[in-house]
């Protein structure tokens, strides 16, 4: 049985033509999953990883169900960060134009006067909660005409402390509306929020298939604080690297690392919350064009970044939680491209990162770096399940065995040195396996460190 087309799912000719003009001729799996329910007017909860095509999954119905003659704004899309908000606008602008609809985007870090003029004129308003609350407090617009509400990446909004603002905003929207909640998880507080704001919702879960070739190779690398920069430079100088996204914990750390990389003749730029909107946009544009092929970012600043051609995600500072790992590594291996995720781990971080590896069934990759796994009893209690990245980025959490089967080799020894054996971080299926001789010991005495050697170039997919 052939896959159903946009038209067969109920998408209008103008919108289908707008999609075709962009080279989008067939729905992604998550779009096939939810479009009919959304076009029929049902409330919907969607659990789906980033990069899976979920923006158009809700964006198409928002456009289709908003009339050009409707009082404005008629649809509201809330997103946790300005980068994600801008990405949503860019993704739906052409389809909205095909139906004579105006789209506006409001977010912090940009002039509020211009936004206060544009927001009340838009059929579809895409907003971060904080800036929208500011505009509402000023009386710049009303939400009494909103008939469709979308909460995108609801789990991240909660993580960032936006629950009070979201509650205040939703109270101003009529009850007889259609509501869509999208989240990487529908458990816990995110699930409670979805239940509170929806009525008789259809629930859909899109998990990337575990059967196809893996798109991301995961590797952990044992380092010292003093040796981290040299380890990073070694990865960045590999001739087969494309764009690289490097994660750090702090804003100051992002600026400092970008400056140090520039001093080593690496074309790097930093992005974080203290940068102005103009600076952030210029940094992203230079990264996407390849003018600066390394982007150093904090977690919050990078949320919503969707840049093609990211071959490497490197956790210079190890993530603190499993979800952070999933969201970071999900920036590569998108839309069918391959990718490599590397996490630097000091001995002091080994216990915490070990828990993340266990959660995502990446124990083999972790052990291959000569790092000791913590005992299962030391875990945080998260019910686990395998890294579910792949064509759509990162999933994590529940599910089956990881698609990214690591194969460990001996990289530790009783003394100092590089260790013996050949540490590897291989994909279970597909091309582009990585592996090779271990690097000189950056972790000091008592064990070697893993080095990742790339045998084929990840597809940039531009």
Protein backbone atom coordinates (compact mmCIF):
# COMPACT_ATOMS: atom_id res chain seq x y z
CA UNK A 1 0.00 0.00 0.00
CA UNK A 2 1.49 3.34 -1.10
CA UNK A 3 1.95 6.19 1.33
CA UNK A 4 -0.80 8.81 1.26
CA UNK A 5 -0.12 12.18 -0.28
CA UNK A 6 -0.78 15.59 1.26
CA UNK A 7 -3.91 15.91 -0.88
CA UNK A 8 -5.19 12.50 0.27
CA UNK A 9 -4.73 13.60 3.88
CA UNK A 10 -6.92 16.65 3.27
CA UNK A 11 -4.38 19.37 2.48
CA UNK A 12 -5.69 22.00 0.05
CA UNK A 13 -4.29 22.57 -3.42
CA UNK A 14 -2.72 25.99 -2.63
CA UNK A 15 -0.86 24.63 0.38
CA UNK A 16 0.17 21.42 -1.45
CA UNK A 17 1.53 23.55 -4.29
CA UNK A 18 3.46 25.74 -1.84
CA UNK A 19 5.01 22.64 -0.31
CA UNK A 20 5.86 21.19 -3.72
CA UNK A 21 7.59 24.44 -4.67
CA UNK A 22 9.95 23.80 -1.76
CA UNK A 23 10.58 20.23 -2.90
CA UNK A 24 8.30 18.71 -0.23
CA UNK A 25 6.16 16.28 -2.18
CA UNK A 26 5.31 13.62 0.40
CA UNK A 27 4.45 13.83 4.11
CA UNK A 28 6.96 12.77 6.74
CA UNK A 29 5.79 9.97 9.07
CA UNK A 30 4.78 12.30 11.90
CA UNK A 31 2.78 14.38 9.44
CA UNK A 32 0.93 11.34 8.15
CA UNK A 33 0.25 10.44 11.76
CA UNK A 34 -1.48 13.64 12.86
CA UNK A 35 -2.65 15.68 9.85
CA UNK A 36 -6.10 14.13 9.51
CA UNK A 37 -6.97 14.60 13.18
CA UNK A 38 -5.73 18.17 13.20
CA UNK A 39 -7.45 19.09 9.95
CA UNK A 40 -10.67 17.62 11.40
CA UNK A 41 -10.42 19.97 14.36
CA UNK A 42 -9.51 17.51 17.12
CA UNK A 43 -7.27 18.42 20.04
CA UNK A 44 -4.03 16.47 19.70
CA UNK A 45 -1.05 15.53 21.88
CA UNK A 46 2.08 14.57 19.97
CA UNK A 47 5.20 12.96 21.36
CA UNK A 48 7.90 13.40 18.75
CA UNK A 49 11.64 14.13 18.62
CA UNK A 50 13.00 17.36 17.20
CA UNK A 51 13.89 17.33 13.52
CA UNK A 52 11.13 14.86 12.63
CA UNK A 53 9.02 17.23 10.54
CA UNK A 54 6.70 18.10 13.42
CA UNK A 55 6.68 21.83 12.61
CA UNK A 56 4.76 21.26 9.39
CA UNK A 57 2.70 18.60 11.15
CA UNK A 58 1.02 21.36 13.14
CA UNK A 59 1.88 24.26 10.82
CA UNK A 60 -0.13 22.95 7.88
CA UNK A 61 -3.34 22.57 9.93
CA UNK A 62 -2.83 26.02 11.49
CA UNK A 63 -2.68 27.51 7.99
CA UNK A 64 -5.58 25.43 6.66
CA UNK A 65 -7.90 26.17 9.59
CA UNK A 66 -7.27 29.93 9.69
CA UNK A 67 -9.42 32.08 7.43
CA UNK A 68 -8.04 35.19 5.78
CA UNK A 69 -11.10 37.14 6.96
CA UNK A 70 -10.78 36.00 10.59
CA UNK A 71 -10.32 38.52 13.39
CA UNK A 72 -6.68 38.61 14.42
CA UNK A 73 -4.69 36.92 15.78
CA UNK A 74 -6.71 33.78 15.07
CA UNK A 75 -3.96 31.26 15.85
CA UNK A 76 -1.22 31.30 18.48
CA UNK A 77 1.92 29.15 18.51
CA UNK A 78 4.01 29.27 21.70
CA UNK A 79 7.66 28.20 21.58
CA UNK A 80 10.32 28.22 24.31
CA UNK A 81 13.07 30.14 22.48
CA UNK A 82 13.35 32.87 19.91
CA UNK A 83 15.39 30.61 17.62
CA UNK A 84 12.63 28.03 17.56
CA UNK A 85 9.98 30.72 17.11
CA UNK A 86 11.87 32.13 14.11
CA UNK A 87 12.34 28.66 12.69
CA UNK A 88 8.58 28.00 12.89
CA UNK A 89 7.79 31.24 11.08
CA UNK A 90 10.26 30.45 8.33
CA UNK A 91 8.83 26.95 7.98
CA UNK A 92 5.19 28.03 7.54
CA UNK A 93 5.54 31.44 5.88
CA UNK A 94 5.16 30.23 2.27
CA UNK A 95 2.17 28.04 3.05
CA UNK A 96 0.52 30.91 4.95
CA UNK A 97 1.14 33.25 2.03
CA UNK A 98 -0.58 30.78 -0.30
CA UNK A 99 -3.78 31.40 1.69
CA UNK A 100 -3.29 35.17 2.09
CA UNK A 101 -2.39 34.90 5.77
CA UNK A 102 0.03 37.10 7.68
CA UNK A 103 2.46 35.62 10.18
CA UNK A 104 4.26 37.55 12.92
CA UNK A 105 6.93 36.51 15.40
CA UNK A 106 7.46 38.08 18.84
CA UNK A 107 10.35 37.27 21.16
CA UNK A 108 12.68 38.92 23.63
CA UNK A 109 15.93 40.58 22.65
CA UNK A 110 14.37 42.61 19.81
CA UNK A 111 12.52 45.92 19.63
CA UNK A 112 9.16 45.63 21.37
CA UNK A 113 7.62 48.65 19.62
CA UNK A 114 7.76 47.09 16.17
CA UNK A 115 6.47 43.78 17.51
CA UNK A 116 3.57 45.54 19.25
CA UNK A 117 2.54 46.92 15.88
CA UNK A 118 2.90 43.69 13.93
CA UNK A 119 1.38 41.21 16.40
CA UNK A 120 -2.26 42.42 16.34
CA UNK A 121 -2.24 42.44 12.52
CA UNK A 122 -1.13 38.82 12.15
CA UNK A 123 -3.50 35.94 11.45
CA UNK A 124 -0.92 33.56 12.97
CA UNK A 125 1.20 34.73 15.89
CA UNK A 126 4.32 32.79 16.89
CA UNK A 127 5.63 33.86 20.29
CA UNK A 128 7.83 33.11 23.24
CA UNK A 129 5.80 33.26 26.47
CA UNK A 130 7.80 36.04 28.13
CA UNK A 131 7.58 38.55 25.28
CA UNK A 132 3.94 37.75 24.60
CA UNK A 133 3.17 38.42 28.29
CA UNK A 134 4.95 41.78 27.97
CA UNK A 135 2.80 42.74 24.98
CA UNK A 136 -0.38 41.63 26.72
CA UNK A 137 0.52 43.67 29.80
CA UNK A 138 0.91 46.72 27.54
CA UNK A 139 -2.49 46.13 25.97
CA UNK A 140 -0.88 45.77 22.54
CA UNK A 141 -3.17 42.92 21.46
CA UNK A 142 -5.95 40.62 22.56
CA UNK A 143 -6.18 36.83 22.41
CA UNK A 144 -9.99 36.73 22.46
CA UNK A 145 -10.14 35.74 18.78
CA UNK A 146 -7.65 32.85 18.99
CA UNK A 147 -9.29 29.63 17.82
CA UNK A 148 -6.19 27.44 17.54
CA UNK A 149 -3.43 27.14 20.16
CA UNK A 150 -0.16 25.24 19.69
CA UNK A 151 2.33 24.58 22.50
CA UNK A 152 5.53 23.44 20.79
CA UNK A 153 8.26 21.74 22.82
CA UNK A 154 6.08 22.00 25.90
CA UNK A 155 8.57 20.04 28.00
CA UNK A 156 11.29 22.58 27.29
CA UNK A 157 9.00 25.49 28.16
CA UNK A 158 8.45 23.88 31.53
CA UNK A 159 12.16 23.23 32.00
CA UNK A 160 12.82 26.93 31.35
CA UNK A 161 10.29 28.04 33.96
CA UNK A 162 7.58 29.33 31.64
CA UNK A 163 4.67 27.48 33.29
CA UNK A 164 3.26 30.58 35.11
CA UNK A 165 3.39 32.68 31.95
CA UNK A 166 1.80 29.90 29.88
CA UNK A 167 -0.99 29.52 32.43
CA UNK A 168 -1.71 33.26 32.34
CA UNK A 169 -1.71 33.34 28.54
CA UNK A 170 -3.99 30.31 28.12
CA UNK A 171 -6.55 31.84 30.50
CA UNK A 172 -6.98 34.69 28.03
CA UNK A 173 -7.82 32.36 25.13
CA UNK A 174 -11.43 31.18 24.55
CA UNK A 175 -12.24 27.67 25.76
CA UNK A 176 -13.84 26.71 22.44
CA UNK A 177 -10.53 26.42 20.69
CA UNK A 178 -8.45 23.64 19.16
CA UNK A 179 -5.29 22.85 21.14
CA UNK A 180 -2.16 21.02 20.04
CA UNK A 181 0.61 20.05 22.47
CA UNK A 182 3.94 18.76 21.17
CA UNK A 183 6.64 17.45 23.48
CA UNK A 184 9.59 15.09 23.58
CA UNK A 185 7.81 13.46 26.52
CA UNK A 186 4.18 13.33 27.61
CA UNK A 187 5.01 12.02 31.07
CA UNK A 188 5.15 13.99 34.30
CA UNK A 189 4.49 17.72 34.26
CA UNK A 190 4.42 17.94 30.46
CA UNK A 191 1.68 15.30 30.34
CA UNK A 192 -0.26 17.05 33.10
CA UNK A 193 -0.10 20.33 31.19
CA UNK A 194 -1.30 18.63 28.01
CA UNK A 195 -4.22 17.03 29.86
CA UNK A 196 -5.18 20.35 31.42
CA UNK A 197 -5.33 22.32 28.19
CA UNK A 198 -6.84 19.76 25.81
CA UNK A 199 -10.29 18.18 25.55
CA UNK A 200 -10.80 14.60 24.37
CA UNK A 201 -7.40 14.80 22.74
CA UNK A 202 -6.11 12.27 20.24
CA UNK A 203 -2.70 11.09 21.39
CA UNK A 204 0.03 10.21 18.92
CA UNK A 205 3.58 9.04 19.46
CA UNK A 206 6.15 9.15 16.72
CA UNK A 207 9.28 7.11 17.41
CA UNK A 208 12.03 6.83 14.84
CA UNK A 209 12.26 3.30 13.48
CA UNK A 210 14.90 1.14 15.11
CA UNK A 211 15.16 -1.10 12.06
CA UNK A 212 16.87 1.14 9.52
CA UNK A 213 20.52 2.16 9.33
CA UNK A 214 21.68 4.29 12.23
CA UNK A 215 22.39 7.93 11.50
CA UNK A 216 24.48 8.88 14.53
CA UNK A 217 27.60 7.30 15.97
CA UNK A 218 28.01 7.98 19.70
CA UNK A 219 31.38 8.13 21.42
CA UNK A 220 32.59 9.14 24.85
CA UNK A 221 36.14 10.35 25.36
CA UNK A 222 38.03 10.36 28.64
CA UNK A 223 39.87 13.65 29.12
CA UNK A 224 41.39 15.91 31.74
CA UNK A 225 40.33 19.54 32.11
CA UNK A 226 43.75 20.58 30.86
CA UNK A 227 43.55 18.28 27.83
CA UNK A 228 40.03 19.11 26.64
CA UNK A 229 41.06 21.84 24.21
CA UNK A 230 43.64 19.63 22.51
CA UNK A 231 41.06 16.84 22.27
CA UNK A 232 38.57 19.22 20.70
CA UNK A 233 41.07 20.57 18.21
CA UNK A 234 41.92 17.04 17.13
CA UNK A 235 38.27 16.41 16.19
CA UNK A 236 37.79 19.79 14.56
CA UNK A 237 40.89 19.46 12.40
CA UNK A 238 39.86 16.18 10.87
CA UNK A 239 39.69 16.71 7.07
CA UNK A 240 36.31 14.98 6.72
CA UNK A 241 34.51 17.15 9.24
CA UNK A 242 31.69 19.39 8.07
CA UNK A 243 29.88 21.85 10.37
CA UNK A 244 30.43 21.22 14.09
CA UNK A 245 28.30 22.26 17.04
CA UNK A 246 30.17 22.40 20.36
CA UNK A 247 28.25 22.56 23.64
CA UNK A 248 29.42 24.24 26.84
CA UNK A 249 27.69 24.93 30.15
CA UNK A 250 27.96 28.70 30.52
CA UNK A 251 27.73 31.89 28.47
CA UNK A 252 31.21 32.95 29.57
CA UNK A 253 32.52 29.52 28.68
CA UNK A 254 31.06 29.81 25.17
CA UNK A 255 32.80 33.16 24.52
CA UNK A 256 36.06 31.94 26.03
CA UNK A 257 36.15 28.72 24.02
CA UNK A 258 35.26 30.45 20.73
CA UNK A 259 38.10 32.91 21.33
CA UNK A 260 40.56 30.12 22.11
CA UNK A 261 39.55 28.22 18.98
CA UNK A 262 39.95 31.34 16.86
CA UNK A 263 43.45 31.67 18.30
CA UNK A 264 44.14 28.18 16.94
CA UNK A 265 42.92 29.24 13.48
CA UNK A 266 39.55 27.49 13.79
CA UNK A 267 36.67 29.51 12.36
CA UNK A 268 34.40 29.58 15.41
CA UNK A 269 31.58 31.78 16.68
CA UNK A 270 29.62 31.69 19.95
CA UNK A 271 25.90 31.95 20.60
CA UNK A 272 24.23 32.38 23.99
CA UNK A 273 21.53 34.28 25.83
CA UNK A 274 23.57 37.42 26.46
CA UNK A 275 24.01 38.10 22.76
CA UNK A 276 21.63 40.55 21.09
CA UNK A 277 19.16 39.22 18.57
CA UNK A 278 21.17 40.70 15.73
CA UNK A 279 24.34 39.06 16.98
CA UNK A 280 22.61 35.70 17.30
CA UNK A 281 21.15 35.90 13.80
CA UNK A 282 24.51 36.85 12.30
CA UNK A 283 26.23 34.04 14.18
CA UNK A 284 23.71 31.47 12.92
CA UNK A 285 23.89 32.81 9.37
CA UNK A 286 27.69 32.61 9.34
CA UNK A 287 27.53 29.07 10.72
CA UNK A 288 24.97 27.84 8.22
CA UNK A 289 26.90 29.37 5.31
CA UNK A 290 30.14 27.79 6.52
CA UNK A 291 31.89 31.13 6.97
CA UNK A 292 32.35 29.99 10.57
CA UNK A 293 32.13 26.21 10.56
CA UNK A 294 32.15 25.77 14.35
CA UNK A 295 29.35 27.06 16.56
CA UNK A 296 29.95 27.11 20.31
CA UNK A 297 26.63 27.19 22.16
CA UNK A 298 24.86 26.83 25.47
CA UNK A 299 21.86 24.51 25.78
CA UNK A 300 19.17 27.19 25.86
CA UNK A 301 20.67 29.20 22.98
CA UNK A 302 20.93 26.13 20.75
CA UNK A 303 17.36 24.96 21.34
CA UNK A 304 15.50 25.13 18.05
CA UNK A 305 18.61 25.39 15.86
CA UNK A 306 17.98 23.37 12.72
CA UNK A 307 20.99 23.69 10.43
CA UNK A 308 21.72 21.21 7.68
CA UNK A 309 25.20 19.86 7.35
CA UNK A 310 26.07 19.48 11.05
CA UNK A 311 28.30 16.41 10.92
CA UNK A 312 29.57 16.64 14.52
CA UNK A 313 28.08 17.52 17.87
CA UNK A 314 30.75 17.65 20.56
CA UNK A 315 29.90 17.96 24.23
CA UNK A 316 32.94 19.91 25.40
CA UNK A 317 31.15 20.19 28.75
CA UNK A 318 29.23 17.01 29.48
CA UNK A 319 25.44 17.36 29.70
CA UNK A 320 23.89 17.26 33.15
CA UNK A 321 20.78 15.27 32.26
CA UNK A 322 19.67 12.62 29.81
CA UNK A 323 17.25 14.97 28.06
CA UNK A 324 20.06 17.49 27.54
CA UNK A 325 22.15 14.80 25.86
CA UNK A 326 19.27 13.86 23.57
CA UNK A 327 18.55 17.46 22.56
CA UNK A 328 22.22 18.23 21.97
CA UNK A 329 23.09 15.18 19.90
CA UNK A 330 19.80 15.53 18.00
CA UNK A 331 21.29 18.52 16.17
CA UNK A 332 23.12 16.07 13.87
CA UNK A 333 21.99 13.04 11.88
CA UNK A 334 18.88 14.87 10.69
CA UNK A 335 16.71 14.20 7.65
CA UNK A 336 18.64 11.13 6.55
CA UNK A 337 22.15 12.51 7.01
CA UNK A 338 24.74 10.76 9.16
CA UNK A 339 26.30 12.33 12.21
CA UNK A 340 28.78 11.85 15.03
CA UNK A 341 28.23 12.75 18.67
CA UNK A 342 31.24 12.93 20.99
CA UNK A 343 31.08 13.60 24.74
CA UNK A 344 34.16 14.55 26.74
CA UNK A 345 34.17 13.05 30.23
CA UNK A 346 36.55 13.82 33.08
CA UNK A 347 37.04 11.31 35.87
CA UNK A 348 35.03 13.56 38.19
CA UNK A 349 32.07 13.49 35.76
CA UNK A 350 32.23 9.78 35.07
CA UNK A 351 29.50 8.78 37.54
CA UNK A 352 26.95 11.31 36.30
CA UNK A 353 27.60 10.69 32.62
CA UNK A 354 27.50 6.96 33.25
CA UNK A 355 23.88 7.32 34.32
CA UNK A 356 23.08 9.06 31.03
CA UNK A 357 24.79 6.27 29.10
CA UNK A 358 22.73 3.67 30.98
CA UNK A 359 19.49 5.57 30.35
CA UNK A 360 20.16 5.59 26.61
CA UNK A 361 21.64 2.09 26.37
CA UNK A 362 25.04 3.44 25.40
CA UNK A 363 26.99 1.43 27.97
CA UNK A 364 29.27 -0.13 25.35
CA UNK A 365 30.25 3.24 23.94
CA UNK A 366 30.93 4.55 27.44
CA UNK A 367 33.05 1.56 28.46
CA UNK A 368 35.02 1.76 25.19
CA UNK A 369 36.54 5.01 26.44
CA UNK A 370 38.04 3.27 29.44
CA UNK A 371 35.42 4.82 31.72
CA UNK A 372 33.88 2.89 34.58
CA UNK A 373 30.10 2.45 34.58
CA UNK A 374 28.36 3.29 37.82
CA UNK A 375 26.34 0.55 39.49
CA UNK A 376 22.69 0.40 38.34
CA UNK A 377 21.58 1.15 41.90
CA UNK A 378 23.16 4.59 41.58
CA UNK A 379 20.87 5.60 38.74
CA UNK A 380 18.39 8.42 39.04
CA UNK A 381 15.44 6.07 38.62
CA UNK A 382 14.62 7.11 35.08
CA UNK A 383 13.00 4.23 33.24
CA UNK A 384 15.10 3.75 30.34
CA UNK A 385 15.16 2.88 26.85
CA UNK A 386 17.64 3.43 24.17
CA UNK A 387 18.69 6.47 22.19
CA UNK A 388 16.02 6.98 19.55
CA UNK A 389 17.75 9.42 17.30
CA UNK A 390 17.91 8.70 13.60
CA UNK A 391 16.28 10.43 10.70
CA UNK A 392 14.55 12.83 12.96
CA UNK A 393 17.23 13.69 15.47
CA UNK A 394 16.94 12.64 19.10
CA UNK A 395 14.24 10.84 20.95
CA UNK A 396 15.60 9.17 24.04
CA UNK A 397 13.64 7.95 27.00
CA UNK A 398 11.49 4.91 26.48
CA UNK A 399 11.79 2.47 23.66
CA UNK A 400 13.89 -0.39 22.47
CA UNK A 401 17.57 -1.05 22.26
CA UNK A 402 19.64 1.84 20.95
CA UNK A 403 20.06 2.06 17.19
CA UNK A 404 23.65 3.05 17.81
CA UNK A 405 25.40 -0.06 18.98
CA UNK A 406 28.84 0.79 20.32
CA UNK A 407 31.58 -1.80 20.19
CA UNK A 408 34.07 -1.50 22.93
CA UNK A 409 37.78 -2.08 22.70
CA UNK A 410 40.37 -1.99 25.40
CA UNK A 411 41.44 1.59 26.06
CA UNK A 412 42.48 1.26 29.64
CA UNK A 413 45.44 -0.26 31.32
CA UNK A 414 47.09 -0.64 34.65
CA UNK A 415 49.45 2.19 33.98
CA UNK A 416 49.64 5.32 31.89
CA UNK A 417 49.86 5.34 28.16
CA UNK A 418 47.45 4.96 25.32
CA UNK A 419 46.15 1.54 26.24
CA UNK A 420 45.83 -1.39 23.95
CA UNK A 421 43.27 -2.55 21.49
CA UNK A 422 41.17 -0.50 19.10
CA UNK A 423 38.36 1.48 20.70
CA UNK A 424 35.44 1.77 18.33
CA UNK A 425 32.14 3.60 18.11
CA UNK A 426 30.32 1.88 15.31
CA UNK A 427 26.86 2.15 13.89
CA UNK A 428 24.95 -1.08 14.14
CA UNK A 429 23.90 -0.80 10.51
CA UNK A 430 24.74 1.46 7.62
CA UNK A 431 27.95 2.96 6.35
CA UNK A 432 30.31 5.40 7.94
CA UNK A 433 31.52 3.23 10.81
CA UNK A 434 34.15 4.88 12.92
CA UNK A 435 37.04 3.43 14.83
CA UNK A 436 40.77 3.31 14.98
CA UNK A 437 43.76 3.24 17.23
CA UNK A 438 43.46 4.92 20.57
CA UNK A 439 44.84 8.41 21.04
CA UNK A 440 47.66 9.35 23.39
CA UNK A 441 46.46 9.19 26.95
CA UNK A 442 44.82 12.52 27.83
CA UNK A 443 43.27 11.16 30.99
CA UNK A 444 46.53 10.77 32.87
CA UNK A 445 47.71 7.60 34.50
CA UNK A 446 45.40 4.73 35.14
CA UNK A 447 43.81 4.49 31.72
CA UNK A 448 43.78 5.53 28.10
CA UNK A 449 41.34 7.72 26.23
CA UNK A 450 39.29 6.96 23.17
CA UNK A 451 40.00 8.55 19.86
CA UNK A 452 37.41 8.53 17.11
CA UNK A 453 38.69 8.07 13.57
CA UNK A 454 36.33 8.65 10.69
CA UNK A 455 36.36 6.35 7.73
CA UNK A 456 33.69 8.04 5.62
CA UNK A 457 32.33 11.54 5.36
CA UNK A 458 28.83 12.21 6.72
CA UNK A 459 26.40 13.50 4.13
CA UNK A 460 25.86 17.22 4.41
CA UNK A 461 22.43 17.04 2.80
CA UNK A 462 22.34 20.64 1.57
